[in-house]
Amino acid sequence: MDRVDEITVAIEHLPPDEYRRLVDWFRERDQAEWDRQMDADSAAGKLDFLFAEADREFDEGSARDWPART
């Protein structure tokens, strides 16, 4: 059995409160990785096309509020 299998078995035997803590930890870790990747992509100019598209839509008058106003 490899480490992932061992961890999986251990997770399956966690009490609900400890399982919830682990899920929260994974979500926070995943979100932090997402943020790091977005920051790196932005700094590298990989998202510039989104700003250009927004500017173009604004200039054309086709930009809309987001979230939509109700």
Protein backbone atom coordinates (compact mmCIF):
# COMPACT_ATOMS: atom_id res chain seq x y z
CA MET A 1 0.00 0.00 0.00
CA ASP A 2 1.43 3.40 -0.97
CA ARG A 3 1.16 6.60 1.04
CA VAL A 4 -1.93 7.86 -0.77
CA ASP A 5 -3.75 4.61 -0.05
CA GLU A 6 -2.73 4.83 3.61
CA ILE A 7 -3.93 8.42 3.83
CA THR A 8 -7.19 7.51 2.12
CA VAL A 9 -7.85 4.75 4.64
CA ALA A 10 -7.01 7.09 7.51
CA ILE A 11 -9.37 9.76 6.15
CA GLU A 12 -12.19 7.24 5.85
CA HIS A 13 -11.86 6.54 9.57
CA LEU A 14 -11.81 10.15 10.77
CA PRO A 15 -14.57 11.35 13.06
CA PRO A 16 -16.83 13.95 11.40
CA ASP A 17 -15.26 16.96 13.13
CA GLU A 18 -11.73 15.96 12.12
CA TYR A 19 -12.88 15.19 8.58
CA ARG A 20 -14.43 18.68 8.36
CA ARG A 21 -11.15 20.24 9.54
CA LEU A 22 -9.26 18.34 6.87
CA VAL A 23 -11.71 19.38 4.16
CA ASP A 24 -11.39 23.01 5.25
CA TRP A 25 -7.59 22.73 5.18
CA PHE A 26 -7.65 21.30 1.65
CA ARG A 27 -9.99 24.03 0.44
CA GLU A 28 -7.83 26.77 1.92
CA ARG A 29 -4.70 25.19 0.45
CA ASP A 30 -6.32 24.83 -2.97
CA GLN A 31 -7.55 28.44 -2.89
CA ALA A 32 -4.08 29.68 -1.94
CA GLU A 33 -2.58 27.76 -4.87
CA TRP A 34 -5.23 29.21 -7.20
CA ASP A 35 -4.43 32.72 -5.98
CA ARG A 36 -0.68 32.14 -6.40
CA GLN A 37 -1.19 30.89 -9.96
CA MET A 38 -3.48 33.81 -10.86
CA ASP A 39 -0.93 36.29 -9.46
CA ALA A 40 1.87 34.64 -11.45
CA ASP A 41 -0.20 34.57 -14.65
CA SER A 42 -1.20 38.19 -14.20
CA ALA A 43 2.38 39.31 -13.55
CA ALA A 44 3.48 37.41 -16.67
CA GLY A 45 0.87 39.21 -18.80
CA LYS A 46 -1.11 36.04 -19.48
CA LEU A 47 -4.38 37.76 -18.51
CA ASP A 48 -3.85 40.98 -20.45
CA PHE A 49 -6.23 39.77 -23.16
CA LEU A 50 -9.06 39.93 -20.61
CA PHE A 51 -8.37 43.58 -19.88
CA ALA A 52 -8.19 44.33 -23.61
CA GLU A 53 -11.52 42.58 -24.16
CA ALA A 54 -13.15 44.53 -21.32
CA ASP A 55 -11.78 47.82 -22.68
CA ARG A 56 -13.07 46.98 -26.16
CA GLU A 57 -16.55 46.10 -24.86
CA PHE A 58 -16.64 49.28 -22.77
CA ASP A 59 -15.64 51.37 -25.80
CA GLU A 60 -18.31 49.63 -27.91
CA GLY A 61 -20.94 50.19 -25.24
CA SER A 62 -21.59 46.47 -24.85
CA ALA A 63 -20.08 46.12 -21.37
CA ARG A 64 -22.53 45.25 -18.61
CA ASP A 65 -22.38 45.54 -14.83
CA TRP A 66 -21.36 42.40 -13.04
CA PRO A 67 -23.02 41.22 -11.04
CA ALA A 68 -26.06 42.52 -12.81
CA ARG A 69 -27.92 45.23 -10.93
CA THR A 70 -31.38 44.21 -9.87
